[in-house]
């Protein structure tokens, strides 16, 4: 029996059935917390070879979703059996 100060209660541990887990691996590189993450400037190249920004990709993606909704939401013709 162990006392848990966080819960102000008693813990019972069955050491015969308990398993020891491997500690998590440390990160390969320490990340500086005060630096901003860099976002890629170029997301998708276009046919013209010009870079496309995130807002343009978002707009095109929204248009594609809208076209798919129109394609799949139209009523199906009635078929006699």
PDB file of N, CA and C in Angstrom:
ATOM      1  N   UNK A   1       0.850  -1.176   0.000  1.00  0.00           N
ATOM      2  CA  UNK A   1       0.000   0.000   0.000  1.00  0.00           C
ATOM      3  C   UNK A   1       0.895   1.237   0.000  1.00  0.00           C
ATOM      4  N   UNK A   2       0.517   2.196  -0.832  1.00  0.00           N
ATOM      5  CA  UNK A   2       1.250   3.450  -0.932  1.00  0.00           C
ATOM      6  C   UNK A   2       0.277   4.604  -0.773  1.00  0.00           C
ATOM      7  N   UNK A   3       0.736   5.695  -0.173  1.00  0.00           N
ATOM      8  CA  UNK A   3      -0.086   6.892  -0.036  1.00  0.00           C
ATOM      9  C   UNK A   3       0.151   7.785  -1.247  1.00  0.00           C
ATOM     10  N   UNK A   4      -0.937   8.214  -1.903  1.00  0.00           N
ATOM     11  CA  UNK A   4      -0.860   9.103  -3.055  1.00  0.00           C
ATOM     12  C   UNK A   4      -1.207  10.511  -2.594  1.00  0.00           C
ATOM     13  N   UNK A   5      -0.206  11.402  -2.572  1.00  0.00           N
ATOM     14  CA  UNK A   5      -0.418  12.769  -2.093  1.00  0.00           C
ATOM     15  C   UNK A   5      -1.312  13.571  -3.033  1.00  0.00           C
ATOM     16  N   UNK A   6      -1.318  13.235  -4.338  1.00  0.00           N
ATOM     17  CA  UNK A   6      -2.142  13.977  -5.298  1.00  0.00           C
ATOM     18  C   UNK A   6      -3.623  13.794  -5.024  1.00  0.00           C
ATOM     19  N   UNK A   7      -4.013  12.581  -4.663  1.00  0.00           N
ATOM     20  CA  UNK A   7      -5.425  12.294  -4.415  1.00  0.00           C
ATOM     21  C   UNK A   7      -5.742  12.181  -2.939  1.00  0.00           C
ATOM     22  N   UNK A   8      -4.723  12.298  -2.105  1.00  0.00           N
ATOM     23  CA  UNK A   8      -4.870  12.114  -0.649  1.00  0.00           C
ATOM     24  C   UNK A   8      -5.532  10.780  -0.346  1.00  0.00           C
ATOM     25  N   UNK A   9      -5.116   9.770  -1.072  1.00  0.00           N
ATOM     26  CA  UNK A   9      -5.680   8.442  -0.879  1.00  0.00           C
ATOM     27  C   UNK A   9      -4.608   7.382  -0.870  1.00  0.00           C
ATOM     28  N   UNK A  10      -5.038   6.161  -0.712  1.00  0.00           N
ATOM     29  CA  UNK A  10      -4.133   5.018  -0.642  1.00  0.00           C
ATOM     30  C   UNK A  10      -4.205   4.257  -1.958  1.00  0.00           C
ATOM     31  N   UNK A  11      -3.033   3.842  -2.472  1.00  0.00           N
ATOM     32  CA  UNK A  11      -2.969   3.025  -3.686  1.00  0.00           C
ATOM     33  C   UNK A  11      -2.526   1.626  -3.300  1.00  0.00           C
ATOM     34  N   UNK A  12      -3.130   0.657  -3.945  1.00  0.00           N
ATOM     35  CA  UNK A  12      -2.682  -0.721  -3.755  1.00  0.00           C
ATOM     36  C   UNK A  12      -2.113  -1.190  -5.081  1.00  0.00           C
ATOM     37  N   UNK A  13      -0.903  -1.703  -5.066  1.00  0.00           N
ATOM     38  CA  UNK A  13      -0.237  -2.169  -6.274  1.00  0.00           C
ATOM     39  C   UNK A  13       0.037  -3.651  -6.123  1.00  0.00           C
ATOM     40  N   UNK A  14      -0.394  -4.432  -7.121  1.00  0.00           N
ATOM     41  CA  UNK A  14      -0.126  -5.869  -7.142  1.00  0.00           C
ATOM     42  C   UNK A  14       1.192  -6.072  -7.881  1.00  0.00           C
ATOM     43  N   UNK A  15       2.281  -6.197  -7.136  1.00  0.00           N
ATOM     44  CA  UNK A  15       3.606  -6.305  -7.743  1.00  0.00           C
ATOM     45  C   UNK A  15       3.816  -7.643  -8.449  1.00  0.00           C
ATOM     46  N   UNK A  16       2.993  -8.635  -8.161  1.00  0.00           N
ATOM     47  CA  UNK A  16       3.124  -9.918  -8.852  1.00  0.00           C
ATOM     48  C   UNK A  16       2.614  -9.822 -10.284  1.00  0.00           C
ATOM     49  N   UNK A  17       1.607  -8.987 -10.539  1.00  0.00           N
ATOM     50  CA  UNK A  17       1.036  -8.850 -11.880  1.00  0.00           C
ATOM     51  C   UNK A  17       1.505  -7.586 -12.595  1.00  0.00           C
ATOM     52  N   UNK A  18       2.112  -6.674 -11.890  1.00  0.00           N
ATOM     53  CA  UNK A  18       2.506  -5.395 -12.482  1.00  0.00           C
ATOM     54  C   UNK A  18       3.595  -5.592 -13.524  1.00  0.00           C
ATOM     55  N   UNK A  19       3.559  -4.770 -14.563  1.00  0.00           N
ATOM     56  CA  UNK A  19       4.566  -4.790 -15.616  1.00  0.00           C
ATOM     57  C   UNK A  19       5.317  -3.472 -15.600  1.00  0.00           C
ATOM     58  N   UNK A  20       6.610  -3.537 -15.813  1.00  0.00           N
ATOM     59  CA  UNK A  20       7.407  -2.323 -15.928  1.00  0.00           C
ATOM     60  C   UNK A  20       7.446  -1.922 -17.395  1.00  0.00           C
ATOM     61  N   UNK A  21       7.056  -0.699 -17.674  1.00  0.00           N
ATOM     62  CA  UNK A  21       7.051  -0.206 -19.044  1.00  0.00           C
ATOM     63  C   UNK A  21       8.379   0.447 -19.353  1.00  0.00           C
ATOM     64  N   UNK A  22       8.761   0.381 -20.633  1.00  0.00           N
ATOM     65  CA  UNK A  22       9.982   1.050 -21.065  1.00  0.00           C
ATOM     66  C   UNK A  22       9.741   2.556 -21.031  1.00  0.00           C
ATOM     67  N   UNK A  23      10.699   3.325 -20.531  1.00  0.00           N
ATOM     68  CA  UNK A  23      10.506   4.783 -20.540  1.00  0.00           C
ATOM     69  C   UNK A  23      10.482   5.299 -21.970  1.00  0.00           C
ATOM     70  N   UNK A  24       9.729   6.372 -22.234  1.00  0.00           N
ATOM     71  CA  UNK A  24       9.679   6.907 -23.598  1.00  0.00           C
ATOM     72  C   UNK A  24      11.049   7.397 -24.040  1.00  0.00           C
ATOM     73  N   UNK A  25      11.297   7.255 -25.336  1.00  0.00           N
ATOM     74  CA  UNK A  25      12.574   7.684 -25.906  1.00  0.00           C
ATOM     75  C   UNK A  25      12.716   9.192 -25.833  1.00  0.00           C
ATOM     76  N   UNK A  26      13.884   9.691 -25.509  1.00  0.00           N
ATOM     77  CA  UNK A  26      14.063  11.146 -25.519  1.00  0.00           C
ATOM     78  C   UNK A  26      14.038  11.660 -26.958  1.00  0.00           C
ATOM     79  N   UNK A  27      13.648  12.908 -27.171  1.00  0.00           N
ATOM     80  CA  UNK A  27      13.631  13.443 -28.536  1.00  0.00           C
ATOM     81  C   UNK A  27      15.035  13.462 -29.119  1.00  0.00           C
ATOM     82  N   UNK A  28      15.114  13.274 -30.429  1.00  0.00           N
ATOM     83  CA  UNK A  28      16.408  13.252 -31.095  1.00  0.00           C
ATOM     84  C   UNK A  28      17.066  14.624 -31.091  1.00  0.00           C
ATOM     85  N   UNK A  29      16.253  15.660 -31.176  1.00  0.00           N
ATOM     86  CA  UNK A  29      16.777  17.021 -31.215  1.00  0.00           C
ATOM     87  C   UNK A  29      15.978  17.856 -30.224  1.00  0.00           C
ATOM     88  N   UNK A  30      16.656  18.647 -29.442  1.00  0.00           N
ATOM     89  CA  UNK A  30      15.962  19.546 -28.531  1.00  0.00           C
ATOM     90  C   UNK A  30      15.361  20.693 -29.339  1.00  0.00           C
ATOM     91  N   UNK A  31      14.084  20.966 -29.121  1.00  0.00           N
ATOM     92  CA  UNK A  31      13.416  22.051 -29.822  1.00  0.00           C
ATOM     93  C   UNK A  31      13.444  23.299 -28.960  1.00  0.00           C
ATOM     94  N   UNK A  32      13.744  24.410 -29.568  1.00  0.00           N
ATOM     95  CA  UNK A  32      13.726  25.681 -28.846  1.00  0.00           C
ATOM     96  C   UNK A  32      12.282  26.144 -28.740  1.00  0.00           C
ATOM     97  N   UNK A  33      11.799  26.372 -27.538  1.00  0.00           N
ATOM     98  CA  UNK A  33      10.393  26.707 -27.347  1.00  0.00           C
ATOM     99  C   UNK A  33      10.066  28.141 -27.739  1.00  0.00           C
ATOM    100  N   UNK A  34      11.068  29.012 -27.837  1.00  0.00           N
ATOM    101  CA  UNK A  34      10.770  30.404 -28.145  1.00  0.00           C
ATOM    102  C   UNK A  34      10.830  30.716 -29.635  1.00  0.00           C
ATOM    103  N   UNK A  35      11.048  29.728 -30.467  1.00  0.00           N
ATOM    104  CA  UNK A  35      11.097  29.956 -31.911  1.00  0.00           C
ATOM    105  C   UNK A  35       9.784  29.509 -32.538  1.00  0.00           C
ATOM    106  N   UNK A  36       9.327  30.295 -33.516  1.00  0.00           N
ATOM    107  CA  UNK A  36       8.098  29.939 -34.212  1.00  0.00           C
ATOM    108  C   UNK A  36       8.370  28.808 -35.187  1.00  0.00           C
ATOM    109  N   UNK A  37       7.366  27.953 -35.356  1.00  0.00           N
ATOM    110  CA  UNK A  37       7.479  26.913 -36.368  1.00  0.00           C
ATOM    111  C   UNK A  37       7.375  27.570 -37.730  1.00  0.00           C
ATOM    112  N   UNK A  38       8.197  27.136 -38.638  1.00  0.00           N
ATOM    113  CA  UNK A  38       8.159  27.693 -39.988  1.00  0.00           C
ATOM    114  C   UNK A  38       7.092  26.978 -40.793  1.00  0.00           C
ATOM    115  N   UNK A  39       6.281  27.760 -41.462  1.00  0.00           N
ATOM    116  CA  UNK A  39       5.280  27.207 -42.364  1.00  0.00           C
ATOM    117  C   UNK A  39       5.879  27.203 -43.755  1.00  0.00           C
ATOM    118  N   UNK A  40       5.595  26.171 -44.517  1.00  0.00           N
ATOM    119  CA  UNK A  40       6.138  26.171 -45.877  1.00  0.00           C
ATOM    120  C   UNK A  40       5.547  27.316 -46.687  1.00  0.00           C
ATOM    121  N   UNK A  41       6.407  28.004 -47.423  1.00  0.00           N
ATOM    122  CA  UNK A  41       5.955  29.115 -48.252  1.00  0.00           C
ATOM    123  C   UNK A  41       5.222  28.615 -49.488  1.00  0.00           C
ATOM    124  N   UNK A  42       5.644  27.472 -49.998  1.00  0.00           N
ATOM    125  CA  UNK A  42       5.051  26.915 -51.203  1.00  0.00           C
ATOM    126  C   UNK A  42       4.357  25.621 -50.826  1.00  0.00           C
ATOM    127  N   UNK A  43       3.081  25.505 -51.222  1.00  0.00           N
ATOM    128  CA  UNK A  43       2.336  24.302 -50.886  1.00  0.00           C
ATOM    129  C   UNK A  43       2.256  23.374 -52.092  1.00  0.00           C
ATOM    130  N   UNK A  44       1.717  23.852 -53.192  1.00  0.00           N
ATOM    131  CA  UNK A  44       1.552  23.044 -54.394  1.00  0.00           C
ATOM    132  C   UNK A  44       2.031  23.864 -55.592  1.00  0.00           C
ATOM    133  N   UNK A  45       2.793  23.289 -56.479  1.00  0.00           N
ATOM    134  CA  UNK A  45       3.127  24.041 -57.689  1.00  0.00           C
ATOM    135  C   UNK A  45       1.944  24.004 -58.660  1.00  0.00           C
ATOM    136  N   UNK A  46       1.773  25.064 -59.426  1.00  0.00           N
ATOM    137  CA  UNK A  46       0.706  25.104 -60.421  1.00  0.00           C
ATOM    138  C   UNK A  46       1.281  24.767 -61.788  1.00  0.00           C
ATOM    139  N   UNK A  47       0.410  24.703 -62.783  1.00  0.00           N
ATOM    140  CA  UNK A  47       0.869  24.400 -64.138  1.00  0.00           C
ATOM    141  C   UNK A  47       1.814  25.481 -64.651  1.00  0.00           C
ATOM    142  N   UNK A  48       1.587  26.720 -64.205  1.00  0.00           N
ATOM    143  CA  UNK A  48       2.436  27.813 -64.675  1.00  0.00           C
ATOM    144  C   UNK A  48       3.788  27.828 -63.973  1.00  0.00           C
ATOM    145  N   UNK A  49       3.946  27.010 -62.942  1.00  0.00           N
ATOM    146  CA  UNK A  49       5.212  26.965 -62.231  1.00  0.00           C
ATOM    147  C   UNK A  49       5.312  27.972 -61.107  1.00  0.00           C
ATOM    148  N   UNK A  50       4.256  28.775 -60.912  1.00  0.00           N
ATOM    149  CA  UNK A  50       4.270  29.760 -59.835  1.00  0.00           C
ATOM    150  C   UNK A  50       3.860  29.084 -58.524  1.00  0.00           C
ATOM    151  N   UNK A  51       4.418  29.518 -57.409  1.00  0.00           N
ATOM    152  CA  UNK A  51       4.019  28.929 -56.132  1.00  0.00           C
ATOM    153  C   UNK A  51       2.591  29.311 -55.768  1.00  0.00           C
ATOM    154  N   UNK A  52       1.942  28.443 -55.014  1.00  0.00           N
ATOM    155  CA  UNK A  52       0.570  28.657 -54.583  1.00  0.00           C
ATOM    156  C   UNK A  52       0.572  28.805 -53.072  1.00  0.00           C
ATOM    157  N   UNK A  53      -0.055  29.850 -52.568  1.00  0.00           N
ATOM    158  CA  UNK A  53      -0.128  30.074 -51.129  1.00  0.00           C
ATOM    159  C   UNK A  53      -1.212  29.232 -50.481  1.00  0.00           C
ATOM    160  N   UNK A  54      -1.210  29.207 -49.164  1.00  0.00           N
ATOM    161  CA  UNK A  54      -2.186  28.417 -48.414  1.00  0.00           C
ATOM    162  C   UNK A  54      -3.615  28.868 -48.671  1.00  0.00           C
ATOM    163  N   UNK A  55      -3.851  30.173 -48.777  1.00  0.00           N
ATOM    164  CA  UNK A  55      -5.218  30.659 -48.972  1.00  0.00           C
ATOM    165  C   UNK A  55      -5.761  30.199 -50.321  1.00  0.00           C
ATOM    166  N   UNK A  56      -4.909  30.178 -51.346  1.00  0.00           N
ATOM    167  CA  UNK A  56      -5.351  29.712 -52.661  1.00  0.00           C
ATOM    168  C   UNK A  56      -5.662  28.220 -52.619  1.00  0.00           C
ATOM    169  N   UNK A  57      -4.836  27.450 -51.930  1.00  0.00           N
ATOM    170  CA  UNK A  57      -5.079  26.008 -51.830  1.00  0.00           C
ATOM    171  C   UNK A  57      -6.376  25.765 -51.081  1.00  0.00           C
ATOM    172  N   UNK A  58      -6.616  26.518 -50.016  1.00  0.00           N
ATOM    173  CA  UNK A  58      -7.844  26.373 -49.245  1.00  0.00           C
ATOM    174  C   UNK A  58      -9.063  26.681 -50.106  1.00  0.00           C
ATOM    175  N   UNK A  59      -8.983  27.733 -50.922  1.00  0.00           N
ATOM    176  CA  UNK A  59     -10.098  28.106 -51.788  1.00  0.00           C
ATOM    177  C   UNK A  59     -10.357  27.016 -52.821  1.00  0.00           C
ATOM    178  N   UNK A  60      -9.302  26.510 -53.444  1.00  0.00           N
ATOM    179  CA  UNK A  60      -9.445  25.459 -54.457  1.00  0.00           C
ATOM    180  C   UNK A  60     -10.010  24.192 -53.824  1.00  0.00           C
ATOM    181  N   UNK A  61      -9.535  23.869 -52.628  1.00  0.00           N
ATOM    182  CA  UNK A  61     -10.034  22.681 -51.932  1.00  0.00           C
ATOM    183  C   UNK A  61     -11.526  22.836 -51.634  1.00  0.00           C
ATOM    184  N   UNK A  62     -11.944  24.025 -51.187  1.00  0.00           N
ATOM    185  CA  UNK A  62     -13.357  24.274 -50.907  1.00  0.00           C
ATOM    186  C   UNK A  62     -14.190  24.137 -52.173  1.00  0.00           C
ATOM    187  N   UNK A  63     -13.667  24.624 -53.293  1.00  0.00           N
ATOM    188  CA  UNK A  63     -14.382  24.489 -54.563  1.00  0.00           C
ATOM    189  C   UNK A  63     -14.529  23.022 -54.940  1.00  0.00           C
ATOM    190  N   UNK A  64     -13.465  22.233 -54.757  1.00  0.00           N
ATOM    191  CA  UNK A  64     -13.524  20.802 -55.070  1.00  0.00           C
ATOM    192  C   UNK A  64     -14.563  20.094 -54.206  1.00  0.00           C
ATOM    193  N   UNK A  65     -14.613  20.433 -52.923  1.00  0.00           N
ATOM    194  CA  UNK A  65     -15.597  19.824 -52.026  1.00  0.00           C
ATOM    195  C   UNK A  65     -17.005  20.194 -52.478  1.00  0.00           C
ATOM    196  N   UNK A  66     -17.203  21.447 -52.864  1.00  0.00           N
ATOM    197  CA  UNK A  66     -18.507  21.881 -53.351  1.00  0.00           C
ATOM    198  C   UNK A  66     -18.932  21.121 -54.599  1.00  0.00           C
ATOM    199  N   UNK A  67     -18.008  20.907 -55.528  1.00  0.00           N
ATOM    200  CA  UNK A  67     -18.321  20.145 -56.743  1.00  0.00           C
ATOM    201  C   UNK A  67     -18.670  18.699 -56.416  1.00  0.00           C
ATOM    202  N   UNK A  68     -17.967  18.101 -55.467  1.00  0.00           N
ATOM    203  CA  UNK A  68     -18.268  16.720 -55.073  1.00  0.00           C
ATOM    204  C   UNK A  68     -19.651  16.635 -54.432  1.00  0.00           C
ATOM    205  N   UNK A  69     -20.003  17.624 -53.618  1.00  0.00           N
ATOM    206  CA  UNK A  69     -21.338  17.628 -53.006  1.00  0.00           C
ATOM    207  C   UNK A  69     -22.409  17.705 -54.078  1.00  0.00           C
ATOM    208  N   UNK A  70     -22.197  18.568 -55.082  1.00  0.00           N
ATOM    209  CA  UNK A  70     -23.179  18.677 -56.159  1.00  0.00           C
ATOM    210  C   UNK A  70     -23.282  17.370 -56.924  1.00  0.00           C
ATOM    211  N   UNK A  71     -22.158  16.701 -57.154  1.00  0.00           N
ATOM    212  CA  UNK A  71     -22.168  15.462 -57.932  1.00  0.00           C
ATOM    213  C   UNK A  71     -22.882  14.341 -57.191  1.00  0.00           C
ATOM    214  N   UNK A  72     -22.722  14.276 -55.869  1.00  0.00           N
ATOM    215  CA  UNK A  72     -23.286  13.154 -55.126  1.00  0.00           C
ATOM    216  C   UNK A  72     -24.626  13.466 -54.481  1.00  0.00           C
ATOM    217  N   UNK A  73     -25.041  14.723 -54.420  1.00  0.00           N
ATOM    218  CA  UNK A  73     -26.304  15.081 -53.785  1.00  0.00           C
ATOM    219  C   UNK A  73     -27.468  15.156 -54.764  1.00  0.00           C
ATOM    220  N   UNK A  74     -27.207  15.036 -56.071  1.00  0.00           N
ATOM    221  CA  UNK A  74     -28.325  15.165 -57.006  1.00  0.00           C
ATOM    222  C   UNK A  74     -29.214  13.919 -56.905  1.00  0.00           C
ATOM    223  N   UNK A  75     -30.515  14.107 -57.106  1.00  0.00           N
ATOM    224  CA  UNK A  75     -31.443  12.973 -56.970  1.00  0.00           C
ATOM    225  C   UNK A  75     -31.195  11.920 -58.050  1.00  0.00           C
ATOM    226  N   UNK A  76     -31.337  10.693 -57.655  1.00  0.00           N
ATOM    227  CA  UNK A  76     -31.163   9.576 -58.576  1.00  0.00           C
ATOM    228  C   UNK A  76     -32.468   9.355 -59.340  1.00  0.00           C
ATOM    229  N   UNK A  77     -32.393   8.995 -60.622  1.00  0.00           N
ATOM    230  CA  UNK A  77     -33.628   8.740 -61.388  1.00  0.00           C
ATOM    231  C   UNK A  77     -34.361   7.525 -60.824  1.00  0.00           C
ATOM    232  N   UNK A  78     -35.701   7.603 -60.886  1.00  0.00           N
ATOM    233  CA  UNK A  78     -36.529   6.504 -60.385  1.00  0.00           C
ATOM    234  C   UNK A  78     -36.457   5.336 -61.359  1.00  0.00           C
ATOM    235  N   UNK A  79     -36.237   4.139 -60.841  1.00  0.00           N
ATOM    236  CA  UNK A  79     -36.151   2.951 -61.693  1.00  0.00           C
ATOM    237  C   UNK A  79     -37.256   1.982 -61.306  1.00  0.00           C
ATOM    238  N   UNK A  80     -37.993   1.486 -62.313  1.00  0.00           N
ATOM    239  CA  UNK A  80     -39.013   0.468 -62.077  1.00  0.00           C
ATOM    240  C   UNK A  80     -38.362  -0.889 -61.947  1.00  0.00           C
ATOM    241  N   UNK A  81     -38.908  -1.682 -61.070  1.00  0.00           N
ATOM    242  CA  UNK A  81     -38.376  -3.055 -60.923  1.00  0.00           C
ATOM    243  C   UNK A  81     -39.326  -4.048 -61.502  1.00  0.00           C
TER     244      UNK A  81
END
